[in-house]
Amino acid sequence: MTKTKKEVSIFIDEKLCKGCDICIEICPKDVFTVSEQINQQGYYIPIPTKMEECTGCLICELICPELAVILKIKKEKFIT
């Protein structure tokens, strides 16, 4: 049986992010963790640390109140 997996890139716009951590809490695959560095506004922003776990469900992008999370789904990869 052949399965497909999406190749996903996650970007956080540091200028927009206000460190609410909603994306961290809502992600079903625990892709994000809190950064130890602050952005220009003084917020600890989320960083995607488990990109390989991301399924491209887009929940984090859709739920972000500041529109700071951007997912780019490249293509589907065949896994045998």
Protein backbone atom coordinates (compact mmCIF):
# COMPACT_ATOMS: atom_id res chain seq x y z
CA MET A 1 0.00 0.00 0.00
CA THR A 2 1.30 3.43 -0.96
CA LYS A 3 0.64 6.41 1.30
CA THR A 4 1.17 10.08 0.64
CA LYS A 5 2.54 12.71 3.01
CA LYS A 6 2.39 16.46 2.49
CA GLU A 7 5.62 18.43 2.48
CA VAL A 8 4.86 21.40 4.70
CA SER A 9 6.85 24.52 5.55
CA ILE A 10 5.78 26.63 8.51
CA PHE A 11 6.64 30.29 8.85
CA ILE A 12 5.96 32.57 11.82
CA ASP A 13 5.82 36.29 11.04
CA GLU A 14 7.69 37.62 14.06
CA LYS A 15 6.43 41.16 13.45
CA LEU A 16 2.81 40.04 13.77
CA CYS A 17 3.09 37.38 16.48
CA LYS A 18 2.02 38.44 19.99
CA GLY A 19 2.99 35.22 21.74
CA CYS A 20 -0.53 34.07 22.59
CA ASP A 21 0.56 30.40 22.18
CA ILE A 22 -2.80 29.36 20.71
CA CYS A 23 -0.98 27.57 17.88
CA ILE A 24 1.09 25.64 20.41
CA GLU A 25 -1.99 24.56 22.37
CA ILE A 26 -4.18 23.68 19.37
CA CYS A 27 -1.68 21.70 17.27
CA PRO A 28 -2.69 18.01 17.31
CA LYS A 29 0.91 16.93 16.58
CA ASP A 30 2.73 19.24 19.05
CA VAL A 31 4.77 20.78 16.25
CA PHE A 32 5.46 24.08 18.07
CA THR A 33 7.43 25.06 21.16
CA VAL A 34 8.02 28.48 22.72
CA SER A 35 11.19 30.23 21.63
CA GLU A 36 13.68 31.39 24.24
CA GLN A 37 14.20 34.61 22.30
CA ILE A 38 11.77 37.51 22.15
CA ASN A 39 10.63 39.39 19.05
CA GLN A 40 10.82 43.17 18.58
CA GLN A 41 7.58 43.67 20.50
CA GLY A 42 8.87 41.68 23.49
CA TYR A 43 6.92 38.45 22.96
CA TYR A 44 8.20 34.90 23.10
CA ILE A 45 7.14 33.50 19.76
CA PRO A 46 6.38 29.89 18.85
CA ILE A 47 8.82 27.99 16.70
CA PRO A 48 8.11 24.84 14.71
CA THR A 49 10.47 22.26 16.18
CA LYS A 50 8.82 19.10 14.84
CA MET A 51 8.21 20.02 11.20
CA GLU A 52 8.30 16.36 10.17
CA GLU A 53 5.22 15.73 12.34
CA CYS A 54 3.13 18.43 10.65
CA THR A 55 0.25 17.03 8.60
CA GLY A 56 -0.68 20.34 7.00
CA CYS A 57 -4.10 20.45 8.66
CA LEU A 58 -3.91 24.30 8.70
CA ILE A 59 -5.53 24.59 12.15
CA CYS A 60 -2.70 26.77 13.46
CA GLU A 61 -2.90 29.10 10.47
CA LEU A 62 -6.69 29.39 10.67
CA ILE A 63 -6.83 29.94 14.45
CA CYS A 64 -4.04 32.56 14.72
CA PRO A 65 -5.71 35.87 15.67
CA GLU A 66 -2.80 37.90 14.28
CA LEU A 67 -2.42 35.89 11.02
CA ALA A 68 1.21 35.31 11.96
CA VAL A 69 1.30 31.57 11.14
CA ILE A 70 1.77 30.73 7.47
CA LEU A 71 1.84 27.20 6.10
CA LYS A 72 3.10 26.38 2.63
CA ILE A 73 2.17 22.95 1.37
CA LYS A 74 4.60 22.04 -1.37
CA LYS A 75 3.45 18.70 -2.70
CA GLU A 76 2.62 15.23 -1.63
CA LYS A 77 5.38 12.73 -1.12
CA PHE A 78 4.77 9.06 -1.83
CA ILE A 79 5.72 6.68 0.98
CA THR A 80 5.93 2.97 0.26
